[in-house]
Amino acid sequence: MDEAQVDRILHNPKFKEMVAKKRNLSWTLTAIMLIVYVGFMLLVGYNKEFLLSSISGGVTTWGIPLGLGIIVLSFILCAVYSYIANNKLDQLNEEAMREVEAITHEKGPH
């Protein structure tokens, strides 16, 4: 593959769209997880009393469901990414790959 082909691939609209959508999805889900996790850490650092307080006067404190909620959220975000990647991004990826293959099989400068 020569430099002209690489340049055509990088400027291909389908390839650009696929890269942009994957990047936006990844950064959005990363930001959600980071905000939740940092928020929990700030809560641990600055409001331990709340986390140690009982939910209903029993043994379970607020820290337990919040900590479990973060773990569950990570699984949910993974499922969201998998769903979107499998149902939306794969189609775009296939279209982009067809165009990329057409570019790489062409001979001569364009």
Protein backbone atom coordinates (compact mmCIF):
# COMPACT_ATOMS: atom_id res chain seq x y z
CA MET A 1 0.00 0.00 0.00
CA ASP A 2 1.51 3.29 -1.01
CA GLU A 3 1.21 6.70 0.58
CA ALA A 4 -1.46 7.88 -1.85
CA GLN A 5 -3.70 4.95 -0.94
CA VAL A 6 -3.23 5.58 2.78
CA ASP A 7 -4.09 9.23 2.23
CA ARG A 8 -7.26 8.29 0.29
CA ILE A 9 -8.29 5.89 3.07
CA LEU A 10 -7.74 8.51 5.78
CA HIS A 11 -9.81 11.03 3.82
CA ASN A 12 -12.57 8.59 2.92
CA PRO A 13 -15.91 9.92 4.32
CA LYS A 14 -17.10 6.49 5.54
CA PHE A 15 -13.79 5.84 7.29
CA LYS A 16 -13.86 9.28 8.91
CA GLU A 17 -17.47 8.79 10.02
CA MET A 18 -16.68 5.38 11.52
CA VAL A 19 -13.66 6.70 13.42
CA ALA A 20 -15.58 9.73 14.69
CA LYS A 21 -18.55 7.68 15.91
CA LYS A 22 -16.34 5.15 17.70
CA ARG A 23 -14.31 7.94 19.29
CA ASN A 24 -17.40 9.86 20.43
CA LEU A 25 -19.02 6.76 21.87
CA SER A 26 -15.87 5.69 23.69
CA TRP A 27 -15.22 9.13 25.16
CA THR A 28 -18.85 9.58 26.22
CA LEU A 29 -18.96 6.27 28.08
CA THR A 30 -15.52 6.92 29.56
CA ALA A 31 -16.64 10.35 30.80
CA ILE A 32 -19.76 8.86 32.41
CA MET A 33 -17.74 6.22 34.24
CA LEU A 34 -15.06 8.69 35.27
CA ILE A 35 -17.57 11.20 36.64
CA VAL A 36 -19.38 8.52 38.65
CA TYR A 37 -16.15 7.00 39.98
CA VAL A 38 -14.54 10.34 40.87
CA GLY A 39 -17.82 11.42 42.48
CA PHE A 40 -17.79 8.29 44.63
CA MET A 41 -14.15 8.87 45.60
CA LEU A 42 -14.94 12.47 46.53
CA LEU A 43 -17.84 11.20 48.62
CA VAL A 44 -15.49 8.76 50.36
CA GLY A 45 -12.99 11.53 50.98
CA TYR A 46 -15.30 14.32 52.07
CA ASN A 47 -18.48 12.72 53.42
CA LYS A 48 -17.64 9.41 55.08
CA GLU A 49 -20.43 9.96 57.58
CA PHE A 50 -23.03 9.66 54.83
CA LEU A 51 -21.51 6.44 53.50
CA LEU A 52 -21.38 5.00 57.04
CA SER A 53 -24.98 5.92 57.80
CA SER A 54 -27.58 3.18 57.71
CA ILE A 55 -30.13 3.02 54.92
CA SER A 56 -33.08 2.01 57.08
CA GLY A 57 -31.70 1.71 60.58
CA GLY A 58 -30.27 -1.75 59.85
CA VAL A 59 -26.81 -3.01 59.13
CA THR A 60 -26.57 -1.97 55.49
CA THR A 61 -24.93 1.40 54.95
CA TRP A 62 -25.21 3.71 51.94
CA GLY A 63 -21.67 2.82 50.88
CA ILE A 64 -22.60 -0.76 49.97
CA PRO A 65 -25.32 -0.04 47.36
CA LEU A 66 -23.37 2.91 45.96
CA GLY A 67 -20.23 0.78 45.55
CA LEU A 68 -22.22 -2.05 43.99
CA GLY A 69 -23.99 0.48 41.79
CA ILE A 70 -20.65 1.57 40.33
CA ILE A 71 -19.79 -2.04 39.52
CA VAL A 72 -23.21 -2.60 37.94
CA LEU A 73 -22.86 0.66 35.99
CA SER A 74 -19.59 -0.55 34.48
CA PHE A 75 -21.33 -3.71 33.23
CA ILE A 76 -24.22 -1.64 31.86
CA LEU A 77 -21.85 0.70 30.02
CA CYS A 78 -20.04 -2.32 28.55
CA ALA A 79 -23.38 -3.70 27.40
CA VAL A 80 -24.34 -0.34 25.87
CA TYR A 81 -21.03 -0.17 24.01
CA SER A 82 -21.40 -3.76 22.77
CA TYR A 83 -24.96 -3.17 21.62
CA ILE A 84 -24.12 0.02 19.73
CA ALA A 85 -20.92 -1.45 18.29
CA ASN A 86 -22.65 -4.62 17.12
CA ASN A 87 -25.81 -3.02 15.74
CA LYS A 88 -24.71 0.36 14.43
CA LEU A 89 -20.93 0.60 14.14
CA ASP A 90 -20.42 -2.81 12.53
CA GLN A 91 -22.52 -1.79 9.52
CA LEU A 92 -20.55 1.41 9.16
CA ASN A 93 -17.32 -0.55 9.62
CA GLU A 94 -18.27 -2.98 6.84
CA GLU A 95 -19.12 -0.13 4.46
CA ALA A 96 -15.84 1.61 5.25
CA MET A 97 -13.88 -1.63 4.83
CA ARG A 98 -15.45 -2.25 1.41
CA GLU A 99 -14.38 1.21 0.30
CA VAL A 100 -10.90 0.75 1.82
CA GLU A 101 -10.50 -2.59 0.02
CA ALA A 102 -11.55 -0.96 -3.24
CA ILE A 103 -8.92 1.74 -2.71
CA THR A 104 -6.16 -0.75 -1.87
CA HIS A 105 -6.93 -2.89 -4.94
CA GLU A 106 -6.73 0.07 -7.31
CA LYS A 107 -3.50 0.54 -9.18
CA GLY A 108 -1.80 3.78 -10.01
CA PRO A 109 -2.14 7.32 -8.61
CA HIS A 110 -5.58 8.89 -8.10
